[in-house]
Amino acid sequence: MDLPKDFDQKYSSIWVDIPKSLYDPEKGHRMYNEFLDEFELMVDM
């Protein structure tokens, strides 16, 4: 959820050749856990 605002202008594709340098594992840690929280809320609801 934190790709550059000009991603579609600057980079070829989000799939296959997306640069690994754009991925921040600390942000990824937060995102994974938030996604799981959202799924658990769906179960509760």
ModelCIF file with pLDDT and N, C-alpha, C, O atoms, coordinates in Angstrom:
data_MODEL
#
_entry.id   MODEL 
#
_entity.id                         1 
_entity.type                       polymer 
_entity.pdbx_number_of_molecules   1 
#
_entity_poly.entity_id                      1 
_entity_poly.type                           'polypeptide(L)' 
_entity_poly.nstd_linkage                   no 
_entity_poly.nstd_monomer                   no 
_entity_poly.pdbx_seq_one_letter_code       MDLPKDFDQKYSSIWVDIPKSLYDPEKGHRMYNEFLDEFELMVDM 
_entity_poly.pdbx_seq_one_letter_code_can   MDLPKDFDQKYSSIWVDIPKSLYDPEKGHRMYNEFLDEFELMVDM 
_entity_poly.pdbx_strand_id                 A 
#
loop_
_entity_poly_seq.entity_id 
_entity_poly_seq.num 
_entity_poly_seq.mon_id 
_entity_poly_seq.hetero 
1 1  MET n 
1 2  ASP n 
1 3  LEU n 
1 4  PRO n 
1 5  LYS n 
1 6  ASP n 
1 7  PHE n 
1 8  ASP n 
1 9  GLN n 
1 10 LYS n 
1 11 TYR n 
1 12 SER n 
1 13 SER n 
1 14 ILE n 
1 15 TRP n 
1 16 VAL n 
1 17 ASP n 
1 18 ILE n 
1 19 PRO n 
1 20 LYS n 
1 21 SER n 
1 22 LEU n 
1 23 TYR n 
1 24 ASP n 
1 25 PRO n 
1 26 GLU n 
1 27 LYS n 
1 28 GLY n 
1 29 HIS n 
1 30 ARG n 
1 31 MET n 
1 32 TYR n 
1 33 ASN n 
1 34 GLU n 
1 35 PHE n 
1 36 LEU n 
1 37 ASP n 
1 38 GLU n 
1 39 PHE n 
1 40 GLU n 
1 41 LEU n 
1 42 MET n 
1 43 VAL n 
1 44 ASP n 
1 45 MET n 
#
_struct_asym.id          A 
_struct_asym.entity_id   1 
#
loop_
_ma_qa_metric.id 
_ma_qa_metric.mode 
_ma_qa_metric.name 
_ma_qa_metric.software_group_id 
_ma_qa_metric.type 
1 global pLDDT . pLDDT 
2 local  pLDDT . pLDDT 
#
_ma_qa_metric_global.metric_id      1 
_ma_qa_metric_global.metric_value   96.98 
_ma_qa_metric_global.model_id       1 
_ma_qa_metric_global.ordinal_id     1 
#
loop_
_ma_qa_metric_local.label_asym_id 
_ma_qa_metric_local.label_comp_id 
_ma_qa_metric_local.label_seq_id 
_ma_qa_metric_local.metric_id 
_ma_qa_metric_local.metric_value 
_ma_qa_metric_local.model_id 
_ma_qa_metric_local.ordinal_id 
A MET 1  2 97.00 1 1  
A ASP 2  2 96.00 1 2  
A LEU 3  2 97.00 1 3  
A PRO 4  2 96.00 1 4  
A LYS 5  2 93.00 1 5  
A ASP 6  2 95.00 1 6  
A PHE 7  2 96.00 1 7  
A ASP 8  2 94.00 1 8  
A GLN 9  2 94.00 1 9  
A LYS 10 2 96.00 1 10 
A TYR 11 2 96.00 1 11 
A SER 12 2 95.00 1 12 
A SER 13 2 96.00 1 13 
A ILE 14 2 96.00 1 14 
A TRP 15 2 96.00 1 15 
A VAL 16 2 96.00 1 16 
A ASP 17 2 96.00 1 17 
A ILE 18 2 97.00 1 18 
A PRO 19 2 97.00 1 19 
A LYS 20 2 96.00 1 20 
A SER 21 2 97.00 1 21 
A LEU 22 2 98.00 1 22 
A TYR 23 2 98.00 1 23 
A ASP 24 2 98.00 1 24 
A PRO 25 2 98.00 1 25 
A GLU 26 2 98.00 1 26 
A LYS 27 2 98.00 1 27 
A GLY 28 2 98.00 1 28 
A HIS 29 2 98.00 1 29 
A ARG 30 2 98.00 1 30 
A MET 31 2 98.00 1 31 
A TYR 32 2 98.00 1 32 
A ASN 33 2 98.00 1 33 
A GLU 34 2 98.00 1 34 
A PHE 35 2 98.00 1 35 
A LEU 36 2 98.00 1 36 
A ASP 37 2 98.00 1 37 
A GLU 38 2 98.00 1 38 
A PHE 39 2 98.00 1 39 
A GLU 40 2 98.00 1 40 
A LEU 41 2 98.00 1 41 
A MET 42 2 98.00 1 42 
A VAL 43 2 98.00 1 43 
A ASP 44 2 98.00 1 44 
A MET 45 2 98.00 1 45 
#
loop_
_atom_site.group_PDB 
_atom_site.id 
_atom_site.type_symbol 
_atom_site.label_atom_id 
_atom_site.label_alt_id 
_atom_site.label_comp_id 
_atom_site.label_asym_id 
_atom_site.label_entity_id 
_atom_site.label_seq_id 
_atom_site.pdbx_PDB_ins_code 
_atom_site.Cartn_x 
_atom_site.Cartn_y 
_atom_site.Cartn_z 
_atom_site.occupancy 
_atom_site.B_iso_or_equiv 
_atom_site.pdbx_formal_charge 
_atom_site.auth_seq_id 
_atom_site.auth_comp_id 
_atom_site.auth_asym_id 
_atom_site.auth_atom_id 
_atom_site.pdbx_PDB_model_num 
ATOM 1   N N  . MET A 1 1  ? 0.790   -1.233  0.000   1.00 97.00 ? 1  MET A N  1 
ATOM 2   C CA . MET A 1 1  ? 0.000   0.000   0.000   1.00 97.00 ? 1  MET A CA 1 
ATOM 3   C C  . MET A 1 1  ? 0.822   1.282   0.000   1.00 97.00 ? 1  MET A C  1 
ATOM 4   O O  . MET A 1 1  ? 0.284   2.361   0.248   1.00 97.00 ? 1  MET A O  1 
ATOM 5   N N  . ASP A 1 2  ? 2.112   1.176   -0.274  1.00 96.00 ? 2  ASP A N  1 
ATOM 6   C CA . ASP A 1 2  ? 2.945   2.375   -0.190  1.00 96.00 ? 2  ASP A CA 1 
ATOM 7   C C  . ASP A 1 2  ? 3.880   2.494   -1.398  1.00 96.00 ? 2  ASP A C  1 
ATOM 8   O O  . ASP A 1 2  ? 5.059   2.813   -1.246  1.00 96.00 ? 2  ASP A O  1 
ATOM 9   N N  . LEU A 1 3  ? 3.354   2.240   -2.583  1.00 97.00 ? 3  LEU A N  1 
ATOM 10  C CA . LEU A 1 3  ? 4.141   2.436   -3.798  1.00 97.00 ? 3  LEU A CA 1 
ATOM 11  C C  . LEU A 1 3  ? 4.147   3.923   -4.164  1.00 97.00 ? 3  LEU A C  1 
ATOM 12  O O  . LEU A 1 3  ? 3.236   4.653   -3.775  1.00 97.00 ? 3  LEU A O  1 
ATOM 13  N N  . PRO A 1 4  ? 5.160   4.381   -4.907  1.00 96.00 ? 4  PRO A N  1 
ATOM 14  C CA . PRO A 1 4  ? 5.273   5.807   -5.236  1.00 96.00 ? 4  PRO A CA 1 
ATOM 15  C C  . PRO A 1 4  ? 4.071   6.324   -6.021  1.00 96.00 ? 4  PRO A C  1 
ATOM 16  O O  . PRO A 1 4  ? 3.434   5.582   -6.769  1.00 96.00 ? 4  PRO A O  1 
ATOM 17  N N  . LYS A 1 5  ? 3.775   7.597   -5.839  1.00 93.00 ? 5  LYS A N  1 
ATOM 18  C CA . LYS A 1 5  ? 2.636   8.209   -6.528  1.00 93.00 ? 5  LYS A CA 1 
ATOM 19  C C  . LYS A 1 5  ? 2.797   8.150   -8.046  1.00 93.00 ? 5  LYS A C  1 
ATOM 20  O O  . LYS A 1 5  ? 1.807   8.098   -8.777  1.00 93.00 ? 5  LYS A O  1 
ATOM 21  N N  . ASP A 1 6  ? 4.041   8.157   -8.517  1.00 95.00 ? 6  ASP A N  1 
ATOM 22  C CA . ASP A 1 6  ? 4.288   8.120   -9.958  1.00 95.00 ? 6  ASP A CA 1 
ATOM 23  C C  . ASP A 1 6  ? 4.651   6.709   -10.425 1.00 95.00 ? 6  ASP A C  1 
ATOM 24  O O  . ASP A 1 6  ? 5.334   6.545   -11.435 1.00 95.00 ? 6  ASP A O  1 
ATOM 25  N N  . PHE A 1 7  ? 4.193   5.691   -9.689  1.00 96.00 ? 7  PHE A N  1 
ATOM 26  C CA . PHE A 1 7  ? 4.590   4.319   -9.991  1.00 96.00 ? 7  PHE A CA 1 
ATOM 27  C C  . PHE A 1 7  ? 4.310   3.946   -11.438 1.00 96.00 ? 7  PHE A C  1 
ATOM 28  O O  . PHE A 1 7  ? 5.177   3.397   -12.119 1.00 96.00 ? 7  PHE A O  1 
ATOM 29  N N  . ASP A 1 8  ? 3.103   4.242   -11.911 1.00 94.00 ? 8  ASP A N  1 
ATOM 30  C CA . ASP A 1 8  ? 2.732   3.825   -13.262 1.00 94.00 ? 8  ASP A CA 1 
ATOM 31  C C  . ASP A 1 8  ? 3.466   4.616   -14.336 1.00 94.00 ? 8  ASP A C  1 
ATOM 32  O O  . ASP A 1 8  ? 3.488   4.205   -15.496 1.00 94.00 ? 8  ASP A O  1 
ATOM 33  N N  . GLN A 1 9  ? 4.058   5.728   -13.973 1.00 94.00 ? 9  GLN A N  1 
ATOM 34  C CA . GLN A 1 9  ? 4.833   6.511   -14.930 1.00 94.00 ? 9  GLN A CA 1 
ATOM 35  C C  . GLN A 1 9  ? 6.309   6.101   -14.941 1.00 94.00 ? 9  GLN A C  1 
ATOM 36  O O  . GLN A 1 9  ? 6.977   6.160   -15.973 1.00 94.00 ? 9  GLN A O  1 
ATOM 37  N N  . LYS A 1 10 ? 6.792   5.692   -13.791 1.00 96.00 ? 10 LYS A N  1 
ATOM 38  C CA . LYS A 1 10 ? 8.224   5.460   -13.631 1.00 96.00 ? 10 LYS A CA 1 
ATOM 39  C C  . LYS A 1 10 ? 8.626   4.002   -13.813 1.00 96.00 ? 10 LYS A C  1 
ATOM 40  O O  . LYS A 1 10 ? 9.759   3.710   -14.196 1.00 96.00 ? 10 LYS A O  1 
ATOM 41  N N  . TYR A 1 11 ? 7.691   3.082   -13.537 1.00 96.00 ? 11 TYR A N  1 
ATOM 42  C CA . TYR A 1 11 ? 8.047   1.664   -13.544 1.00 96.00 ? 11 TYR A CA 1 
ATOM 43  C C  . TYR A 1 11 ? 7.245   0.897   -14.595 1.00 96.00 ? 11 TYR A C  1 
ATOM 44  O O  . TYR A 1 11 ? 6.122   1.268   -14.939 1.00 96.00 ? 11 TYR A O  1 
ATOM 45  N N  . SER A 1 12 ? 7.845   -0.171  -15.089 1.00 95.00 ? 12 SER A N  1 
ATOM 46  C CA . SER A 1 12 ? 7.280   -0.939  -16.198 1.00 95.00 ? 12 SER A CA 1 
ATOM 47  C C  . SER A 1 12 ? 5.993   -1.654  -15.818 1.00 95.00 ? 12 SER A C  1 
ATOM 48  O O  . SER A 1 12 ? 5.013   -1.609  -16.562 1.00 95.00 ? 12 SER A O  1 
ATOM 49  N N  . SER A 1 13 ? 5.989   -2.320  -14.655 1.00 96.00 ? 13 SER A N  1 
ATOM 50  C CA . SER A 1 13 ? 4.870   -3.199  -14.320 1.00 96.00 ? 13 SER A CA 1 
ATOM 51  C C  . SER A 1 13 ? 4.890   -3.515  -12.837 1.00 96.00 ? 13 SER A C  1 
ATOM 52  O O  . SER A 1 13 ? 5.953   -3.579  -12.221 1.00 96.00 ? 13 SER A O  1 
ATOM 53  N N  . ILE A 1 14 ? 3.706   -3.712  -12.264 1.00 96.00 ? 14 ILE A N  1 
ATOM 54  C CA . ILE A 1 14 ? 3.641   -4.129  -10.860 1.00 96.00 ? 14 ILE A CA 1 
ATOM 55  C C  . ILE A 1 14 ? 3.890   -5.617  -10.714 1.00 96.00 ? 14 ILE A C  1 
ATOM 56  O O  . ILE A 1 14 ? 4.139   -6.112  -9.615  1.00 96.00 ? 14 ILE A O  1 
ATOM 57  N N  . TRP A 1 15 ? 3.823   -6.316  -11.818 1.00 96.00 ? 15 TRP A N  1 
ATOM 58  C CA . TRP A 1 15 ? 3.968   -7.773  -11.824 1.00 96.00 ? 15 TRP A CA 1 
ATOM 59  C C  . TRP A 1 15 ? 5.237   -8.159  -12.573 1.00 96.00 ? 15 TRP A C  1 
ATOM 60  O O  . TRP A 1 15 ? 5.560   -7.552  -13.594 1.00 96.00 ? 15 TRP A O  1 
ATOM 61  N N  . VAL A 1 16 ? 5.942   -9.136  -12.091 1.00 96.00 ? 16 VAL A N  1 
ATOM 62  C CA . VAL A 1 16 ? 7.103   -9.793  -12.690 1.00 96.00 ? 16 VAL A CA 1 
ATOM 63  C C  . VAL A 1 16 ? 8.393   -9.011  -12.461 1.00 96.00 ? 16 VAL A C  1 
ATOM 64  O O  . VAL A 1 16 ? 9.328   -9.545  -11.865 1.00 96.00 ? 16 VAL A O  1 
ATOM 65  N N  . ASP A 1 17 ? 8.469   -7.750  -12.921 1.00 96.00 ? 17 ASP A N  1 
ATOM 66  C CA . ASP A 1 17 ? 9.751   -7.035  -12.827 1.00 96.00 ? 17 ASP A CA 1 
ATOM 67  C C  . ASP A 1 17 ? 9.705   -5.835  -11.880 1.00 96.00 ? 17 ASP A C  1 
ATOM 68  O O  . ASP A 1 17 ? 10.523  -4.923  -12.004 1.00 96.00 ? 17 ASP A O  1 
ATOM 69  N N  . ILE A 1 18 ? 8.752   -5.822  -10.929 1.00 97.00 ? 18 ILE A N  1 
ATOM 70  C CA . ILE A 1 18 ? 8.707   -4.750  -9.954  1.00 97.00 ? 18 ILE A CA 1 
ATOM 71  C C  . ILE A 1 18 ? 9.962   -4.793  -9.081  1.00 97.00 ? 18 ILE A C  1 
ATOM 72  O O  . ILE A 1 18 ? 10.293  -5.854  -8.552  1.00 97.00 ? 18 ILE A O  1 
ATOM 73  N N  . PRO A 1 19 ? 10.673  -3.666  -8.911  1.00 97.00 ? 19 PRO A N  1 
ATOM 74  C CA . PRO A 1 19 ? 11.933  -3.679  -8.154  1.00 97.00 ? 19 PRO A CA 1 
ATOM 75  C C  . PRO A 1 19 ? 11.721  -4.034  -6.680  1.00 97.00 ? 19 PRO A C  1 
ATOM 76  O O  . PRO A 1 19 ? 10.814  -3.510  -6.032  1.00 97.00 ? 19 PRO A O  1 
ATOM 77  N N  . LYS A 1 20 ? 12.564  -4.925  -6.160  1.00 96.00 ? 20 LYS A N  1 
ATOM 78  C CA . LYS A 1 20 ? 12.465  -5.300  -4.751  1.00 96.00 ? 20 LYS A CA 1 
ATOM 79  C C  . LYS A 1 20 ? 12.810  -4.137  -3.833  1.00 96.00 ? 20 LYS A C  1 
ATOM 80  O O  . LYS A 1 20 ? 12.429  -4.135  -2.662  1.00 96.00 ? 20 LYS A O  1 
ATOM 81  N N  . SER A 1 21 ? 13.528  -3.151  -4.355  1.00 97.00 ? 21 SER A N  1 
ATOM 82  C CA . SER A 1 21 ? 13.894  -1.999  -3.536  1.00 97.00 ? 21 SER A CA 1 
ATOM 83  C C  . SER A 1 21 ? 12.678  -1.200  -3.065  1.00 97.00 ? 21 SER A C  1 
ATOM 84  O O  . SER A 1 21 ? 12.781  -0.424  -2.115  1.00 97.00 ? 21 SER A O  1 
ATOM 85  N N  . LEU A 1 22 ? 11.529  -1.383  -3.718  1.00 98.00 ? 22 LEU A N  1 
ATOM 86  C CA . LEU A 1 22 ? 10.322  -0.662  -3.329  1.00 98.00 ? 22 LEU A CA 1 
ATOM 87  C C  . LEU A 1 22 ? 9.641   -1.288  -2.113  1.00 98.00 ? 22 LEU A C  1 
ATOM 88  O O  . LEU A 1 22 ? 8.735   -0.691  -1.532  1.00 98.00 ? 22 LEU A O  1 
ATOM 89  N N  . TYR A 1 23 ? 10.073  -2.483  -1.730  1.00 98.00 ? 23 TYR A N  1 
ATOM 90  C CA . TYR A 1 23 ? 9.423   -3.179  -0.613  1.00 98.00 ? 23 TYR A CA 1 
ATOM 91  C C  . TYR A 1 23 ? 10.163  -2.905  0.686   1.00 98.00 ? 23 TYR A C  1 
ATOM 92  O O  . TYR A 1 23 ? 11.369  -3.132  0.780   1.00 98.00 ? 23 TYR A O  1 
ATOM 93  N N  . ASP A 1 24 ? 9.439   -2.417  1.689   1.00 98.00 ? 24 ASP A N  1 
ATOM 94  C CA . ASP A 1 24 ? 9.968   -2.177  3.024   1.00 98.00 ? 24 ASP A CA 1 
ATOM 95  C C  . ASP A 1 24 ? 9.417   -3.259  3.944   1.00 98.00 ? 24 ASP A C  1 
ATOM 96  O O  . ASP A 1 24 ? 8.218   -3.252  4.223   1.00 98.00 ? 24 ASP A O  1 
ATOM 97  N N  . PRO A 1 25 ? 10.253  -4.204  4.436   1.00 98.00 ? 25 PRO A N  1 
ATOM 98  C CA . PRO A 1 25 ? 9.755   -5.295  5.276   1.00 98.00 ? 25 PRO A CA 1 
ATOM 99  C C  . PRO A 1 25 ? 9.063   -4.825  6.555   1.00 98.00 ? 25 PRO A C  1 
ATOM 100 O O  . PRO A 1 25 ? 8.137   -5.486  7.027   1.00 98.00 ? 25 PRO A O  1 
ATOM 101 N N  . GLU A 1 26 ? 9.489   -3.706  7.121   1.00 98.00 ? 26 GLU A N  1 
ATOM 102 C CA . GLU A 1 26 ? 8.836   -3.220  8.335   1.00 98.00 ? 26 GLU A CA 1 
ATOM 103 C C  . GLU A 1 26 ? 7.400   -2.781  8.029   1.00 98.00 ? 26 GLU A C  1 
ATOM 104 O O  . GLU A 1 26 ? 6.481   -3.052  8.802   1.00 98.00 ? 26 GLU A O  1 
ATOM 105 N N  . LYS A 1 27 ? 7.223   -2.104  6.901   1.00 98.00 ? 27 LYS A N  1 
ATOM 106 C CA . LYS A 1 27 ? 5.866   -1.748  6.485   1.00 98.00 ? 27 LYS A CA 1 
ATOM 107 C C  . LYS A 1 27 ? 5.078   -3.001  6.120   1.00 98.00 ? 27 LYS A C  1 
ATOM 108 O O  . LYS A 1 27 ? 3.885   -3.100  6.409   1.00 98.00 ? 27 LYS A O  1 
ATOM 109 N N  . GLY A 1 28 ? 5.745   -3.948  5.489   1.00 98.00 ? 28 GLY A N  1 
ATOM 110 C CA . GLY A 1 28 ? 5.089   -5.208  5.137   1.00 98.00 ? 28 GLY A CA 1 
ATOM 111 C C  . GLY A 1 28 ? 4.599   -5.951  6.365   1.00 98.00 ? 28 GLY A C  1 
ATOM 112 O O  . GLY A 1 28 ? 3.526   -6.553  6.338   1.00 98.00 ? 28 GLY A O  1 
ATOM 113 N N  . HIS A 1 29 ? 5.376   -5.916  7.444   1.00 98.00 ? 29 HIS A N  1 
ATOM 114 C CA . HIS A 1 29 ? 4.974   -6.543  8.704   1.00 98.00 ? 29 HIS A CA 1 
ATOM 115 C C  . HIS A 1 29 ? 3.663   -5.948  9.199   1.00 98.00 ? 29 HIS A C  1 
ATOM 116 O O  . HIS A 1 29 ? 2.750   -6.675  9.589   1.00 98.00 ? 29 HIS A O  1 
ATOM 117 N N  . ARG A 1 30 ? 3.578   -4.627  9.180   1.00 98.00 ? 30 ARG A N  1 
ATOM 118 C CA . ARG A 1 30 ? 2.350   -3.962  9.627   1.00 98.00 ? 30 ARG A CA 1 
ATOM 119 C C  . ARG A 1 30 ? 1.182   -4.304  8.710   1.00 98.00 ? 30 ARG A C  1 
ATOM 120 O O  . ARG A 1 30 ? 0.077   -4.571  9.181   1.00 98.00 ? 30 ARG A O  1 
ATOM 121 N N  . MET A 1 31 ? 1.429   -4.297  7.386   1.00 98.00 ? 31 MET A N  1 
ATOM 122 C CA . MET A 1 31 ? 0.352   -4.565  6.431   1.00 98.00 ? 31 MET A CA 1 
ATOM 123 C C  . MET A 1 31 ? -0.197  -5.977  6.583   1.00 98.00 ? 31 MET A C  1 
ATOM 124 O O  . MET A 1 31 ? -1.413  -6.168  6.609   1.00 98.00 ? 31 MET A O  1 
ATOM 125 N N  . TYR A 1 32 ? 0.690   -6.975  6.686   1.00 98.00 ? 32 TYR A N  1 
ATOM 126 C CA . TYR A 1 32 ? 0.227   -8.353  6.836   1.00 98.00 ? 32 TYR A CA 1 
ATOM 127 C C  . TYR A 1 32 ? -0.698  -8.485  8.047   1.00 98.00 ? 32 TYR A C  1 
ATOM 128 O O  . TYR A 1 32 ? -1.763  -9.096  7.955   1.00 98.00 ? 32 TYR A O  1 
ATOM 129 N N  . ASN A 1 33 ? -0.293  -7.918  9.166   1.00 98.00 ? 33 ASN A N  1 
ATOM 130 C CA . ASN A 1 33 ? -1.087  -8.063  10.375  1.00 98.00 ? 33 ASN A CA 1 
ATOM 131 C C  . ASN A 1 33 ? -2.400  -7.292  10.300  1.00 98.00 ? 33 ASN A C  1 
ATOM 132 O O  . ASN A 1 33 ? -3.409  -7.734  10.848  1.00 98.00 ? 33 ASN A O  1 
ATOM 133 N N  . GLU A 1 34 ? -2.397  -6.145  9.628   1.00 98.00 ? 34 GLU A N  1 
ATOM 134 C CA . GLU A 1 34 ? -3.653  -5.426  9.435   1.00 98.00 ? 34 GLU A CA 1 
ATOM 135 C C  . GLU A 1 34 ? -4.604  -6.208  8.532   1.00 98.00 ? 34 GLU A C  1 
ATOM 136 O O  . GLU A 1 34 ? -5.806  -6.263  8.794   1.00 98.00 ? 34 GLU A O  1 
ATOM 137 N N  . PHE A 1 35 ? -4.070  -6.813  7.471   1.00 98.00 ? 35 PHE A N  1 
ATOM 138 C CA . PHE A 1 35 ? -4.921  -7.623  6.599   1.00 98.00 ? 35 PHE A CA 1 
ATOM 139 C C  . PHE A 1 35 ? -5.556  -8.780  7.373   1.00 98.00 ? 35 PHE A C  1 
ATOM 140 O O  . PHE A 1 35 ? -6.738  -9.075  7.197   1.00 98.00 ? 35 PHE A O  1 
ATOM 141 N N  . LEU A 1 36 ? -4.765  -9.431  8.230   1.00 98.00 ? 36 LEU A N  1 
ATOM 142 C CA . LEU A 1 36 ? -5.298  -10.537 9.021   1.00 98.00 ? 36 LEU A CA 1 
ATOM 143 C C  . LEU A 1 36 ? -6.355  -10.045 10.006  1.00 98.00 ? 36 LEU A C  1 
ATOM 144 O O  . LEU A 1 36 ? -7.360  -10.720 10.231  1.00 98.00 ? 36 LEU A O  1 
ATOM 145 N N  . ASP A 1 37 ? -6.129  -8.870  10.593  1.00 98.00 ? 37 ASP A N  1 
ATOM 146 C CA . ASP A 1 37 ? -7.148  -8.283  11.471  1.00 98.00 ? 37 ASP A CA 1 
ATOM 147 C C  . ASP A 1 37 ? -8.464  -8.070  10.715  1.00 98.00 ? 37 ASP A C  1 
ATOM 148 O O  . ASP A 1 37 ? -9.546  -8.320  11.246  1.00 98.00 ? 37 ASP A O  1 
ATOM 149 N N  . GLU A 1 38 ? -8.351  -7.605  9.469   1.00 98.00 ? 38 GLU A N  1 
ATOM 150 C CA . GLU A 1 38 ? -9.549  -7.347  8.666   1.00 98.00 ? 38 GLU A CA 1 
ATOM 151 C C  . GLU A 1 38 ? -10.300 -8.637  8.368   1.00 98.00 ? 38 GLU A C  1 
ATOM 152 O O  . GLU A 1 38 ? -11.529 -8.677  8.431   1.00 98.00 ? 38 GLU A O  1 
ATOM 153 N N  . PHE A 1 39 ? -9.557  -9.692  8.044   1.00 98.00 ? 39 PHE A N  1 
ATOM 154 C CA . PHE A 1 39 ? -10.207 -10.983 7.804   1.00 98.00 ? 39 PHE A CA 1 
ATOM 155 C C  . PHE A 1 39 ? -10.901 -11.495 9.070   1.00 98.00 ? 39 PHE A C  1 
ATOM 156 O O  . PHE A 1 39 ? -12.009 -12.028 9.004   1.00 98.00 ? 39 PHE A O  1 
ATOM 157 N N  . GLU A 1 40 ? -10.252 -11.331 10.206  1.00 98.00 ? 40 GLU A N  1 
ATOM 158 C CA . GLU A 1 40 ? -10.855 -11.801 11.453  1.00 98.00 ? 40 GLU A CA 1 
ATOM 159 C C  . GLU A 1 40 ? -12.128 -11.015 11.775  1.00 98.00 ? 40 GLU A C  1 
ATOM 160 O O  . GLU A 1 40 ? -13.084 -11.572 12.314  1.00 98.00 ? 40 GLU A O  1 
ATOM 161 N N  . LEU A 1 41 ? -12.138 -9.732  11.448  1.00 98.00 ? 41 LEU A N  1 
ATOM 162 C CA . LEU A 1 41 ? -13.361 -8.959  11.647  1.00 98.00 ? 41 LEU A CA 1 
ATOM 163 C C  . LEU A 1 41 ? -14.478 -9.472  10.746  1.00 98.00 ? 41 LEU A C  1 
ATOM 164 O O  . LEU A 1 41 ? -15.633 -9.521  11.168  1.00 98.00 ? 41 LEU A O  1 
ATOM 165 N N  . MET A 1 42 ? -14.153 -9.856  9.509   1.00 98.00 ? 42 MET A N  1 
ATOM 166 C CA . MET A 1 42 ? -15.165 -10.415 8.620   1.00 98.00 ? 42 MET A CA 1 
ATOM 167 C C  . MET A 1 42 ? -15.804 -11.663 9.221   1.00 98.00 ? 42 MET A C  1 
ATOM 168 O O  . MET A 1 42 ? -17.013 -11.866 9.114   1.00 98.00 ? 42 MET A O  1 
ATOM 169 N N  . VAL A 1 43 ? -14.980 -12.496 9.854   1.00 98.00 ? 43 VAL A N  1 
ATOM 170 C CA . VAL A 1 43 ? -15.514 -13.687 10.519  1.00 98.00 ? 43 VAL A CA 1 
ATOM 171 C C  . VAL A 1 43 ? -16.446 -13.269 11.653  1.00 98.00 ? 43 VAL A C  1 
ATOM 172 O O  . VAL A 1 43 ? -17.553 -13.792 11.780  1.00 98.00 ? 43 VAL A O  1 
ATOM 173 N N  . ASP A 1 44 ? -15.994 -12.326 12.474  1.00 98.00 ? 44 ASP A N  1 
ATOM 174 C CA . ASP A 1 44 ? -16.801 -11.868 13.603  1.00 98.00 ? 44 ASP A CA 1 
ATOM 175 C C  . ASP A 1 44 ? -18.119 -11.243 13.141  1.00 98.00 ? 44 ASP A C  1 
ATOM 176 O O  . ASP A 1 44 ? -19.126 -11.328 13.844  1.00 98.00 ? 44 ASP A O  1 
ATOM 177 N N  . MET A 1 45 ? -18.113 -10.622 11.971  1.00 98.00 ? 45 MET A N  1 
ATOM 178 C CA . MET A 1 45 ? -19.308 -9.943  11.465  1.00 98.00 ? 45 MET A CA 1 
ATOM 179 C C  . MET A 1 45 ? -20.221 -10.867 10.668  1.00 98.00 ? 45 MET A C  1 
ATOM 180 O O  . MET A 1 45 ? -21.265 -10.434 10.181  1.00 98.00 ? 45 MET A O  1 
#
